[in-house]
PDB file of N, CA and C in Angstrom:
ATOM      1  N   MET A   1     121.094  59.431 136.535  1.00  0.00           N
ATOM      2  CA  MET A   1     121.983  59.924 135.512  1.00  0.00           C
ATOM      3  C   MET A   1     122.478  58.749 134.680  1.00  0.00           C
ATOM      4  N   SER A   2     122.458  58.888 133.357  1.00  0.00           N
ATOM      5  CA  SER A   2     122.900  57.797 132.492  1.00  0.00           C
ATOM      6  C   SER A   2     124.401  57.887 132.258  1.00  0.00           C
ATOM      7  N   ASP A   3     124.991  56.788 131.791  1.00  0.00           N
ATOM      8  CA  ASP A   3     126.417  56.779 131.481  1.00  0.00           C
ATOM      9  C   ASP A   3     126.745  57.775 130.376  1.00  0.00           C
ATOM     10  N   GLU A   4     125.749  58.104 129.507  1.00  0.00           N
ATOM     11  CA  GLU A   4     125.972  59.037 128.417  1.00  0.00           C
ATOM     12  C   GLU A   4     126.234  60.450 128.923  1.00  0.00           C
ATOM     13  N   SER A   5     125.846  60.756 130.158  1.00  0.00           N
ATOM     14  CA  SER A   5     126.035  62.108 130.667  1.00  0.00           C
ATOM     15  C   SER A   5     127.387  62.275 131.360  1.00  0.00           C
ATOM     16  N   ILE A   6     128.225  61.229 131.343  1.00  0.00           N
ATOM     17  CA  ILE A   6     129.551  61.277 131.967  1.00  0.00           C
ATOM     18  C   ILE A   6     130.621  61.262 130.875  1.00  0.00           C
ATOM     19  N   ILE A   7     131.623  62.132 131.022  1.00  0.00           N
ATOM     20  CA  ILE A   7     132.757  62.159 130.105  1.00  0.00           C
ATOM     21  C   ILE A   7     133.998  61.845 130.927  1.00  0.00           C
ATOM     22  N   ASP A   8     134.667  60.746 130.589  1.00  0.00           N
ATOM     23  CA  ASP A   8     135.902  60.348 131.271  1.00  0.00           C
ATOM     24  C   ASP A   8     137.062  60.459 130.293  1.00  0.00           C
ATOM     25  N   ALA A   9     138.097  61.126 130.730  1.00  0.00           N
ATOM     26  CA  ALA A   9     139.333  61.225 129.960  1.00  0.00           C
ATOM     27  C   ALA A   9     140.462  61.285 130.986  1.00  0.00           C
ATOM     28  N   PRO A  10     141.691  61.030 130.565  1.00  0.00           N
ATOM     29  CA  PRO A  10     142.787  61.092 131.537  1.00  0.00           C
ATOM     30  C   PRO A  10     142.798  62.428 132.292  1.00  0.00           C
ATOM     31  N   GLY A  11     142.694  62.362 133.608  1.00  0.00           N
ATOM     32  CA  GLY A  11     142.727  63.546 134.450  1.00  0.00           C
ATOM     33  C   GLY A  11     141.427  64.319 134.535  1.00  0.00           C
ATOM     34  N   PHE A  12     140.392  63.878 133.822  1.00  0.00           N
ATOM     35  CA  PHE A  12     139.148  64.651 133.671  1.00  0.00           C
ATOM     36  C   PHE A  12     137.939  63.738 133.809  1.00  0.00           C
ATOM     37  N   ARG A  13     137.014  64.115 134.670  1.00  0.00           N
ATOM     38  CA  ARG A  13     135.737  63.399 134.754  1.00  0.00           C
ATOM     39  C   ARG A  13     134.648  64.454 134.804  1.00  0.00           C
ATOM     40  N   GLY A  14     133.838  64.508 133.763  1.00  0.00           N
ATOM     41  CA  GLY A  14     132.821  65.540 133.655  1.00  0.00           C
ATOM     42  C   GLY A  14     131.420  64.975 133.581  1.00  0.00           C
ATOM     43  N   ARG A  15     130.483  65.758 134.091  1.00  0.00           N
ATOM     44  CA  ARG A  15     129.063  65.403 134.018  1.00  0.00           C
ATOM     45  C   ARG A  15     128.361  66.488 133.216  1.00  0.00           C
ATOM     46  N   ILE A  16     127.695  66.086 132.144  1.00  0.00           N
ATOM     47  CA  ILE A  16     126.958  67.031 131.319  1.00  0.00           C
ATOM     48  C   ILE A  16     125.737  67.486 132.099  1.00  0.00           C
ATOM     49  N   THR A  17     125.642  68.798 132.327  1.00  0.00           N
ATOM     50  CA  THR A  17     124.523  69.333 133.110  1.00  0.00           C
ATOM     51  C   THR A  17     123.525  70.091 132.259  1.00  0.00           C
ATOM     52  N   GLY A  18     123.857  70.371 131.004  1.00  0.00           N
ATOM     53  CA  GLY A  18     122.923  71.081 130.132  1.00  0.00           C
ATOM     54  C   GLY A  18     123.549  71.392 128.789  1.00  0.00           C
ATOM     55  N   LYS A  19     122.819  72.192 128.008  1.00  0.00           N
ATOM     56  CA  LYS A  19     123.284  72.605 126.687  1.00  0.00           C
ATOM     57  C   LYS A  19     123.094  74.107 126.538  1.00  0.00           C
ATOM     58  N   LEU A  20     123.957  74.713 125.740  1.00  0.00           N
ATOM     59  CA  LEU A  20     123.856  76.110 125.366  1.00  0.00           C
ATOM     60  C   LEU A  20     123.999  76.119 123.852  1.00  0.00           C
ATOM     61  N   GLY A  21     122.876  76.167 123.144  1.00  0.00           N
ATOM     62  CA  GLY A  21     122.900  75.979 121.701  1.00  0.00           C
ATOM     63  C   GLY A  21     123.389  74.582 121.401  1.00  0.00           C
ATOM     64  N   ASP A  22     124.432  74.472 120.579  1.00  0.00           N
ATOM     65  CA  ASP A  22     124.996  73.142 120.281  1.00  0.00           C
ATOM     66  C   ASP A  22     126.202  72.810 121.168  1.00  0.00           C
ATOM     67  N   MET A  23     126.426  73.635 122.194  1.00  0.00           N
ATOM     68  CA  MET A  23     127.536  73.419 123.122  1.00  0.00           C
ATOM     69  C   MET A  23     127.035  72.693 124.370  1.00  0.00           C
ATOM     70  N   LEU A  24     127.911  71.890 124.989  1.00  0.00           N
ATOM     71  CA  LEU A  24     127.578  71.195 126.223  1.00  0.00           C
ATOM     72  C   LEU A  24     128.069  71.995 127.426  1.00  0.00           C
ATOM     73  N   VAL A  25     127.311  71.974 128.502  1.00  0.00           N
ATOM     74  CA  VAL A  25     127.732  72.548 129.778  1.00  0.00           C
ATOM     75  C   VAL A  25     128.150  71.375 130.654  1.00  0.00           C
ATOM     76  N   ILE A  26     129.403  71.394 131.105  1.00  0.00           N
ATOM     77  CA  ILE A  26     129.980  70.239 131.801  1.00  0.00           C
ATOM     78  C   ILE A  26     130.545  70.679 133.148  1.00  0.00           C
ATOM     79  N   ASP A  27     130.144  69.990 134.199  1.00  0.00           N
ATOM     80  CA  ASP A  27     130.708  70.175 135.537  1.00  0.00           C
ATOM     81  C   ASP A  27     131.798  69.127 135.668  1.00  0.00           C
ATOM     82  N   ALA A  28     133.064  69.559 135.747  1.00  0.00           N
ATOM     83  CA  ALA A  28     134.182  68.620 135.639  1.00  0.00           C
ATOM     84  C   ALA A  28     135.098  68.643 136.848  1.00  0.00           C
ATOM     85  N   ASP A  29     135.467  67.449 137.310  1.00  0.00           N
ATOM     86  CA  ASP A  29     136.530  67.288 138.289  1.00  0.00           C
ATOM     87  C   ASP A  29     137.815  67.081 137.505  1.00  0.00           C
ATOM     88  N   VAL A  30     138.827  67.870 137.832  1.00  0.00           N
ATOM     89  CA  VAL A  30     140.117  67.763 137.154  1.00  0.00           C
ATOM     90  C   VAL A  30     141.159  67.400 138.209  1.00  0.00           C
ATOM     91  N   ALA A  31     141.688  66.177 138.106  1.00  0.00           N
ATOM     92  CA  ALA A  31     142.572  65.648 139.136  1.00  0.00           C
ATOM     93  C   ALA A  31     144.011  65.464 138.674  1.00  0.00           C
ATOM     94  N   ALA A  32     144.230  65.488 137.373  1.00  0.00           N
ATOM     95  CA  ALA A  32     145.575  65.270 136.843  1.00  0.00           C
ATOM     96  C   ALA A  32     145.737  66.074 135.566  1.00  0.00           C
ATOM     97  N   ASP A  33     146.991  66.242 135.155  1.00  0.00           N
ATOM     98  CA  ASP A  33     147.278  67.028 133.956  1.00  0.00           C
ATOM     99  C   ASP A  33     146.484  66.506 132.761  1.00  0.00           C
ATOM    100  N   ILE A  34     146.053  67.446 131.922  1.00  0.00           N
ATOM    101  CA  ILE A  34     145.351  67.119 130.686  1.00  0.00           C
ATOM    102  C   ILE A  34     146.317  67.423 129.547  1.00  0.00           C
ATOM    103  N   PRO A  35     146.669  66.401 128.757  1.00  0.00           N
ATOM    104  CA  PRO A  35     147.664  66.606 127.707  1.00  0.00           C
ATOM    105  C   PRO A  35     147.182  67.586 126.634  1.00  0.00           C
ATOM    106  N   ALA A  36     148.123  68.089 125.862  1.00  0.00           N
ATOM    107  CA  ALA A  36     147.816  69.031 124.784  1.00  0.00           C
ATOM    108  C   ALA A  36     146.770  68.441 123.835  1.00  0.00           C
ATOM    109  N   HIS A  37     145.804  69.277 123.497  1.00  0.00           N
ATOM    110  CA  HIS A  37     144.735  68.889 122.580  1.00  0.00           C
ATOM    111  C   HIS A  37     144.136  70.168 121.991  1.00  0.00           C
ATOM    112  N   ALA A  38     143.359  70.019 120.938  1.00  0.00           N
ATOM    113  CA  ALA A  38     142.668  71.149 120.318  1.00  0.00           C
ATOM    114  C   ALA A  38     141.235  70.727 120.038  1.00  0.00           C
ATOM    115  N   GLY A  39     140.293  71.573 120.415  1.00  0.00           N
ATOM    116  CA  GLY A  39     138.881  71.293 120.166  1.00  0.00           C
ATOM    117  C   GLY A  39     138.425  71.894 118.852  1.00  0.00           C
ATOM    118  N   GLU A  40     137.332  71.365 118.334  1.00  0.00           N
ATOM    119  CA  GLU A  40     136.808  71.864 117.056  1.00  0.00           C
ATOM    120  C   GLU A  40     136.042  73.176 117.226  1.00  0.00           C
ATOM    121  N   ALA A  41     135.675  73.499 118.461  1.00  0.00           N
ATOM    122  CA  ALA A  41     134.923  74.727 118.728  1.00  0.00           C
ATOM    123  C   ALA A  41     135.583  75.483 119.877  1.00  0.00           C
ATOM    124  N   GLU A  42     135.258  76.754 119.993  1.00  0.00           N
ATOM    125  CA  GLU A  42     135.760  77.551 121.103  1.00  0.00           C
ATOM    126  C   GLU A  42     135.314  76.933 122.421  1.00  0.00           C
ATOM    127  N   GLU A  43     136.161  77.025 123.457  1.00  0.00           N
ATOM    128  CA  GLU A  43     135.839  76.503 124.785  1.00  0.00           C
ATOM    129  C   GLU A  43     135.894  77.647 125.792  1.00  0.00           C
ATOM    130  N   PHE A  44     134.988  77.606 126.751  1.00  0.00           N
ATOM    131  CA  PHE A  44     134.953  78.579 127.838  1.00  0.00           C
ATOM    132  C   PHE A  44     134.854  77.794 129.134  1.00  0.00           C
ATOM    133  N   ALA A  45     135.660  78.155 130.132  1.00  0.00           N
ATOM    134  CA  ALA A  45     135.613  77.451 131.414  1.00  0.00           C
ATOM    135  C   ALA A  45     135.761  78.449 132.547  1.00  0.00           C
ATOM    136  N   ILE A  46     135.104  78.144 133.666  1.00  0.00           N
ATOM    137  CA  ILE A  46     135.238  78.908 134.901  1.00  0.00           C
ATOM    138  C   ILE A  46     135.841  77.971 135.945  1.00  0.00           C
ATOM    139  N   VAL A  47     136.880  78.430 136.622  1.00  0.00           N
ATOM    140  CA  VAL A  47     137.509  77.649 137.679  1.00  0.00           C
ATOM    141  C   VAL A  47     136.657  77.802 138.939  1.00  0.00           C
ATOM    142  N   VAL A  48     136.123  76.696 139.435  1.00  0.00           N
ATOM    143  CA  VAL A  48     135.299  76.696 140.647  1.00  0.00           C
ATOM    144  C   VAL A  48     136.180  76.474 141.869  1.00  0.00           C
ATOM    145  N   SER A  49     137.106  75.531 141.763  1.00  0.00           N
ATOM    146  CA  SER A  49     138.039  75.257 142.857  1.00  0.00           C
ATOM    147  C   SER A  49     139.320  74.696 142.271  1.00  0.00           C
ATOM    148  N   GLY A  50     140.374  74.677 143.077  1.00  0.00           N
ATOM    149  CA  GLY A  50     141.663  74.169 142.630  1.00  0.00           C
ATOM    150  C   GLY A  50     142.517  75.268 142.034  1.00  0.00           C
ATOM    151  N   ARG A  51     143.691  74.855 141.553  1.00  0.00           N
ATOM    152  CA  ARG A  51     144.623  75.769 140.883  1.00  0.00           C
ATOM    153  C   ARG A  51     145.193  75.046 139.671  1.00  0.00           C
ATOM    154  N   PHE A  52     145.167  75.715 138.539  1.00  0.00           N
ATOM    155  CA  PHE A  52     145.589  75.118 137.278  1.00  0.00           C
ATOM    156  C   PHE A  52     146.501  76.072 136.525  1.00  0.00           C
ATOM    157  N   GLU A  53     147.295  75.514 135.631  1.00  0.00           N
ATOM    158  CA  GLU A  53     148.025  76.314 134.666  1.00  0.00           C
ATOM    159  C   GLU A  53     147.509  75.953 133.288  1.00  0.00           C
ATOM    160  N   LEU A  54     147.131  76.964 132.526  1.00  0.00           N
ATOM    161  CA  LEU A  54     146.732  76.796 131.132  1.00  0.00           C
ATOM    162  C   LEU A  54     147.961  77.091 130.289  1.00  0.00           C
ATOM    163  N   ILE A  55     148.368  76.117 129.473  1.00  0.00           N
ATOM    164  CA  ILE A  55     149.509  76.286 128.585  1.00  0.00           C
ATOM    165  C   ILE A  55     148.957  76.393 127.174  1.00  0.00           C
ATOM    166  N   MET A  56     149.167  77.579 126.556  1.00  0.00           N
ATOM    167  CA  MET A  56     148.573  77.826 125.247  1.00  0.00           C
ATOM    168  C   MET A  56     149.401  78.884 124.517  1.00  0.00           C
ATOM    169  N   ASN A  57     149.660  78.674 123.250  1.00  0.00           N
ATOM    170  CA  ASN A  57     150.383  79.641 122.417  1.00  0.00           C
ATOM    171  C   ASN A  57     151.726  80.042 123.030  1.00  0.00           C
ATOM    172  N   GLY A  58     152.430  79.076 123.640  1.00  0.00           N
ATOM    173  CA  GLY A  58     153.743  79.347 124.188  1.00  0.00           C
ATOM    174  C   GLY A  58     153.759  80.103 125.502  1.00  0.00           C
ATOM    175  N   THR A  59     152.582  80.313 126.098  1.00  0.00           N
ATOM    176  CA  THR A  59     152.531  80.998 127.385  1.00  0.00           C
ATOM    177  C   THR A  59     151.820  80.131 128.410  1.00  0.00           C
ATOM    178  N   THR A  60     152.123  80.381 129.672  1.00  0.00           N
ATOM    179  CA  THR A  60     151.497  79.666 130.779  1.00  0.00           C
ATOM    180  C   THR A  60     150.780  80.683 131.642  1.00  0.00           C
ATOM    181  N   ARG A  61     149.527  80.396 131.951  1.00  0.00           N
ATOM    182  CA  ARG A  61     148.718  81.288 132.780  1.00  0.00           C
ATOM    183  C   ARG A  61     148.184  80.507 133.973  1.00  0.00           C
ATOM    184  N   THR A  62     148.426  81.006 135.187  1.00  0.00           N
ATOM    185  CA  THR A  62     147.890  80.364 136.389  1.00  0.00           C
ATOM    186  C   THR A  62     146.435  80.787 136.554  1.00  0.00           C
ATOM    187  N   CYS A  63     145.572  79.801 136.842  1.00  0.00           N
ATOM    188  CA  CYS A  63     144.136  80.036 136.975  1.00  0.00           C
ATOM    189  C   CYS A  63     143.675  79.591 138.357  1.00  0.00           C
ATOM    190  N   LEU A  64     142.988  80.495 139.045  1.00  0.00           N
ATOM    191  CA  LEU A  64     142.505  80.287 140.409  1.00  0.00           C
ATOM    192  C   LEU A  64     140.985  80.328 140.430  1.00  0.00           C
ATOM    193  N   PRO A  65     140.353  79.917 141.543  1.00  0.00           N
ATOM    194  CA  PRO A  65     138.899  79.977 141.623  1.00  0.00           C
ATOM    195  C   PRO A  65     138.375  81.375 141.255  1.00  0.00           C
ATOM    196  N   GLY A  66     137.353  81.379 140.407  1.00  0.00           N
ATOM    197  CA  GLY A  66     136.758  82.621 139.926  1.00  0.00           C
ATOM    198  C   GLY A  66     137.310  83.078 138.587  1.00  0.00           C
ATOM    199  N   ASP A  67     138.479  82.560 138.195  1.00  0.00           N
ATOM    200  CA  ASP A  67     139.050  82.909 136.894  1.00  0.00           C
ATOM    201  C   ASP A  67     138.308  82.171 135.791  1.00  0.00           C
ATOM    202  N   HIS A  68     138.375  82.732 134.585  1.00  0.00           N
ATOM    203  CA  HIS A  68     137.794  82.037 133.443  1.00  0.00           C
ATOM    204  C   HIS A  68     138.857  81.856 132.367  1.00  0.00           C
ATOM    205  N   LEU A  69     138.635  80.867 131.528  1.00  0.00           N
ATOM    206  CA  LEU A  69     139.536  80.524 130.438  1.00  0.00           C
ATOM    207  C   LEU A  69     138.753  80.551 129.139  1.00  0.00           C
ATOM    208  N   VAL A  70     139.356  81.078 128.100  1.00  0.00           N
ATOM    209  CA  VAL A  70     138.762  81.029 126.765  1.00  0.00           C
ATOM    210  C   VAL A  70     139.825  80.467 125.835  1.00  0.00           C
ATOM    211  N   VAL A  71     139.452  79.415 125.108  1.00  0.00           N
ATOM    212  CA  VAL A  71     140.369  78.786 124.164  1.00  0.00           C
ATOM    213  C   VAL A  71     139.667  78.773 122.814  1.00  0.00           C
ATOM    214  N   GLY A  72     140.319  79.335 121.813  1.00  0.00           N
ATOM    215  CA  GLY A  72     139.738  79.390 120.474  1.00  0.00           C
ATOM    216  C   GLY A  72     139.650  78.029 119.814  1.00  0.00           C
ATOM    217  N   ALA A  73     138.757  77.926 118.858  1.00  0.00           N
ATOM    218  CA  ALA A  73     138.606  76.689 118.087  1.00  0.00           C
ATOM    219  C   ALA A  73     139.924  76.335 117.410  1.00  0.00           C
ATOM    220  N   GLY A  74     140.320  75.082 117.516  1.00  0.00           N
ATOM    221  CA  GLY A  74     141.521  74.593 116.864  1.00  0.00           C
ATOM    222  C   GLY A  74     142.831  74.980 117.534  1.00  0.00           C
ATOM    223  N   VAL A  75     142.772  75.670 118.678  1.00  0.00           N
ATOM    224  CA  VAL A  75     143.991  76.108 119.375  1.00  0.00           C
ATOM    225  C   VAL A  75     144.460  75.002 120.322  1.00  0.00           C
ATOM    226  N   GLU A  76     145.689  74.555 120.138  1.00  0.00           N
ATOM    227  CA  GLU A  76     146.229  73.524 121.018  1.00  0.00           C
ATOM    228  C   GLU A  76     146.503  74.113 122.396  1.00  0.00           C
ATOM    229  N   HIS A  77     146.104  73.371 123.420  1.00  0.00           N
ATOM    230  CA  HIS A  77     146.282  73.814 124.800  1.00  0.00           C
ATOM    231  C   HIS A  77     146.366  72.604 125.717  1.00  0.00           C
ATOM    232  N   ALA A  78     146.942  72.814 126.899  1.00  0.00           N
ATOM    233  CA  ALA A  78     147.064  71.757 127.902  1.00  0.00           C
ATOM    234  C   ALA A  78     146.786  72.377 129.258  1.00  0.00           C
ATOM    235  N   ILE A  79     146.439  71.521 130.222  1.00  0.00           N
ATOM    236  CA  ILE A  79     146.204  71.964 131.596  1.00  0.00           C
ATOM    237  C   ILE A  79     147.175  71.222 132.512  1.00  0.00           C
ATOM    238  N   HIS A  80     147.889  71.984 133.315  1.00  0.00           N
ATOM    239  CA  HIS A  80     148.739  71.411 134.359  1.00  0.00           C
ATOM    240  C   HIS A  80     148.034  71.655 135.692  1.00  0.00           C
ATOM    241  N   VAL A  81     147.827  70.602 136.460  1.00  0.00           N
ATOM    242  CA  VAL A  81     147.129  70.706 137.736  1.00  0.00           C
ATOM    243  C   VAL A  81     148.129  71.006 138.847  1.00  0.00           C
ATOM    244  N   ILE A  82     147.956  72.144 139.495  1.00  0.00           N
ATOM    245  CA  ILE A  82     148.742  72.496 140.671  1.00  0.00           C
ATOM    246  C   ILE A  82     148.039  71.947 141.907  1.00  0.00           C
ATOM    247  N   GLU A  83     146.716  72.113 141.930  1.00  0.00           N
ATOM    248  CA  GLU A  83     145.871  71.594 143.009  1.00  0.00           C
ATOM    249  C   GLU A  83     144.577  71.104 142.356  1.00  0.00           C
ATOM    250  N   PRO A  84     144.224  69.813 142.488  1.00  0.00           N
ATOM    251  CA  PRO A  84     143.011  69.296 141.852  1.00  0.00           C
ATOM    252  C   PRO A  84     141.803  70.153 142.208  1.00  0.00           C
ATOM    253  N   GLY A  85     140.868  70.225 141.281  1.00  0.00           N
ATOM    254  CA  GLY A  85     139.685  71.032 141.532  1.00  0.00           C
ATOM    255  C   GLY A  85     138.592  70.796 140.512  1.00  0.00           C
ATOM    256  N   ARG A  86     137.778  71.819 140.338  1.00  0.00           N
ATOM    257  CA  ARG A  86     136.577  71.703 139.517  1.00  0.00           C
ATOM    258  C   ARG A  86     136.485  72.861 138.543  1.00  0.00           C
ATOM    259  N   LEU A  87     136.012  72.559 137.335  1.00  0.00           N
ATOM    260  CA  LEU A  87     135.746  73.549 136.297  1.00  0.00           C
ATOM    261  C   LEU A  87     134.316  73.394 135.819  1.00  0.00           C
ATOM    262  N   VAL A  88     133.698  74.489 135.414  1.00  0.00           N
ATOM    263  CA  VAL A  88     132.476  74.422 134.629  1.00  0.00           C
ATOM    264  C   VAL A  88     132.911  74.798 133.221  1.00  0.00           C
ATOM    265  N   LEU A  89     132.721  73.876 132.290  1.00  0.00           N
ATOM    266  CA  LEU A  89     133.207  74.010 130.927  1.00  0.00           C
ATOM    267  C   LEU A  89     132.028  74.076 129.967  1.00  0.00           C
ATOM    268  N   ILE A  90     132.130  74.989 128.992  1.00  0.00           N
ATOM    269  CA  ILE A  90     131.147  75.052 127.908  1.00  0.00           C
ATOM    270  C   ILE A  90     131.915  74.835 126.630  1.00  0.00           C
ATOM    271  N   GLY A  91     131.583  73.759 125.915  1.00  0.00           N
ATOM    272  CA  GLY A  91     132.271  73.439 124.673  1.00  0.00           C
ATOM    273  C   GLY A  91     131.683  72.205 124.032  1.00  0.00           C
ATOM    274  N   LYS A  92     132.284  71.786 122.953  1.00  0.00           N
ATOM    275  CA  LYS A  92     131.872  70.564 122.262  1.00  0.00           C
ATOM    276  C   LYS A  92     132.831  69.455 122.636  1.00  0.00           C
ATOM    277  N   MET A  93     132.326  68.283 122.897  1.00  0.00           N
ATOM    278  CA  MET A  93     133.167  67.142 123.235  1.00  0.00           C
ATOM    279  C   MET A  93     133.019  66.075 122.176  1.00  0.00           C
TER     280      MET A  93
END
């Protein structure tokens, strides 16, 4: 695996495992809170393990294994880690 297939950000370490059109499929370990940010494209994620809170549009949603998250393009959102875990994310980085 090359260094180009790894995405490191505060609280997030992802490995690009494939593509879906122009979107990346990322297997990510999430160990710490991810600060508020907005992506240029819609994001879809499935919680594989751990427990997270998605903070978006003034609401907080608890996400458990098997849950999925959808965040619209340009929508500011943050992740609070209750228990570190793993996400499969489809989006643009």
